Protein backbone atom coordinates (compact mmCIF):
# COMPACT_ATOMS: atom_id res chain seq x y z
CA MET A 1 -0.14 -0.10 0.21
CA ASN A 2 1.12 3.53 -0.97
CA ALA A 3 0.50 6.69 0.65
CA SER A 4 1.73 10.29 0.49
CA THR A 5 1.41 13.56 3.36
CA GLU A 6 0.02 16.72 2.44
CA SER A 7 3.43 17.75 2.31
CA GLY A 8 4.52 15.38 -0.38
CA ARG A 9 6.68 12.68 1.30
CA ARG A 10 5.72 9.32 -0.01
CA TYR A 11 5.37 5.82 2.18
CA ARG A 12 5.10 2.14 1.38
CA ALA A 13 3.60 0.05 4.26
CA ILE A 14 4.14 -4.15 3.62
CA ALA A 15 2.44 -6.38 5.87
CA ALA A 16 2.79 -9.91 5.44
CA ALA A 17 1.85 -13.30 7.18
CA ALA A 18 2.12 -16.88 6.25
CA GLY A 19 -0.97 -18.70 5.21
CA ASP A 20 -4.45 -17.93 3.52
CA PRO A 21 -5.42 -14.68 4.62
CA GLY A 22 -8.88 -15.15 5.27
CA TYR A 23 -8.01 -17.89 7.91
CA ALA A 24 -4.39 -18.74 9.07
CA ALA A 25 -3.66 -15.24 9.53
CA THR A 26 -6.76 -13.60 10.41
CA ALA A 27 -6.98 -16.34 13.29
CA VAL A 28 -3.37 -15.80 14.30
CA MET A 29 -3.98 -11.86 15.27
CA ALA A 30 -7.07 -12.52 16.75
CA GLY A 31 -5.38 -15.24 19.12
CA GLU A 32 -2.29 -12.56 19.56
CA THR A 33 -4.93 -9.69 20.35
CA ALA A 34 -6.44 -11.50 22.83
CA LEU A 35 -3.36 -12.31 24.09
CA SER A 36 -1.78 -9.54 24.62
CA LEU A 37 -5.03 -8.33 26.06
CA ALA A 38 -5.02 -10.91 28.66
CA LEU A 39 -1.04 -11.01 29.39
CA ASP A 40 0.16 -7.86 28.24
CA GLY A 41 -2.13 -4.89 30.21
CA ASP A 42 0.66 -3.51 32.18
CA ARG A 43 2.52 -2.66 28.71
CA LEU A 44 -0.47 -1.45 26.62
CA PRO A 45 -1.26 2.17 25.78
CA PRO A 46 -4.14 4.34 28.09
CA ALA A 47 -7.09 3.71 26.38
CA ALA A 48 -10.09 5.76 25.14
CA GLY A 49 -13.02 5.14 23.27
CA SER A 50 -13.83 2.71 20.52
CA LEU A 51 -10.37 1.53 19.04
CA THR A 52 -9.18 -0.58 16.20
CA PRO A 53 -6.65 -3.42 17.66
CA ALA A 54 -3.49 -1.79 16.49
CA THR A 55 -4.20 1.97 18.00
CA ALA A 56 -5.51 0.41 21.53
CA LEU A 57 -2.60 -2.22 21.86
CA GLY A 58 0.21 -0.52 19.73
CA ASN A 59 3.84 -2.14 19.82
CA VAL A 60 2.25 -4.51 21.77
CA LEU A 61 0.43 -6.44 19.28
CA VAL A 62 2.98 -5.81 16.89
CA GLU A 63 5.74 -7.41 18.63
CA ARG A 64 3.52 -10.60 19.33
CA LEU A 65 2.58 -10.70 15.82
CA ARG A 66 6.49 -10.42 14.33
CA GLU A 67 7.11 -13.25 16.67
CA ALA A 68 4.30 -15.18 15.60
CA GLY A 69 6.03 -14.59 11.79
CA HIS A 70 3.83 -11.81 10.74
CA THR A 71 6.04 -8.89 9.00
CA TYR A 72 5.21 -4.98 9.21
CA GLU A 73 7.34 -2.61 7.36
CA VAL A 74 7.09 1.18 6.55
CA ILE A 75 9.53 2.08 3.93
CA SER A 76 9.97 6.45 3.02
CA LEU A 77 9.87 6.67 -0.73
CA THR A 78 11.06 10.37 -0.60
């Protein structure tokens, strides 16, 4: 996925995981989200309102997903 900012900077985001994205990867994401909530509450960002898992769990979830074999990367194109 490519994106650009109002100032003209361009970025590419890459997300990858083994397995079918509709089944295997989604199951890992749901499981790691639940484990983050259950086991890492002291490391989570402060909560406020209705949030996406990435916003609510921040780097805690990213670290867990990377350990489970997922890849998340943002590359500056400019």
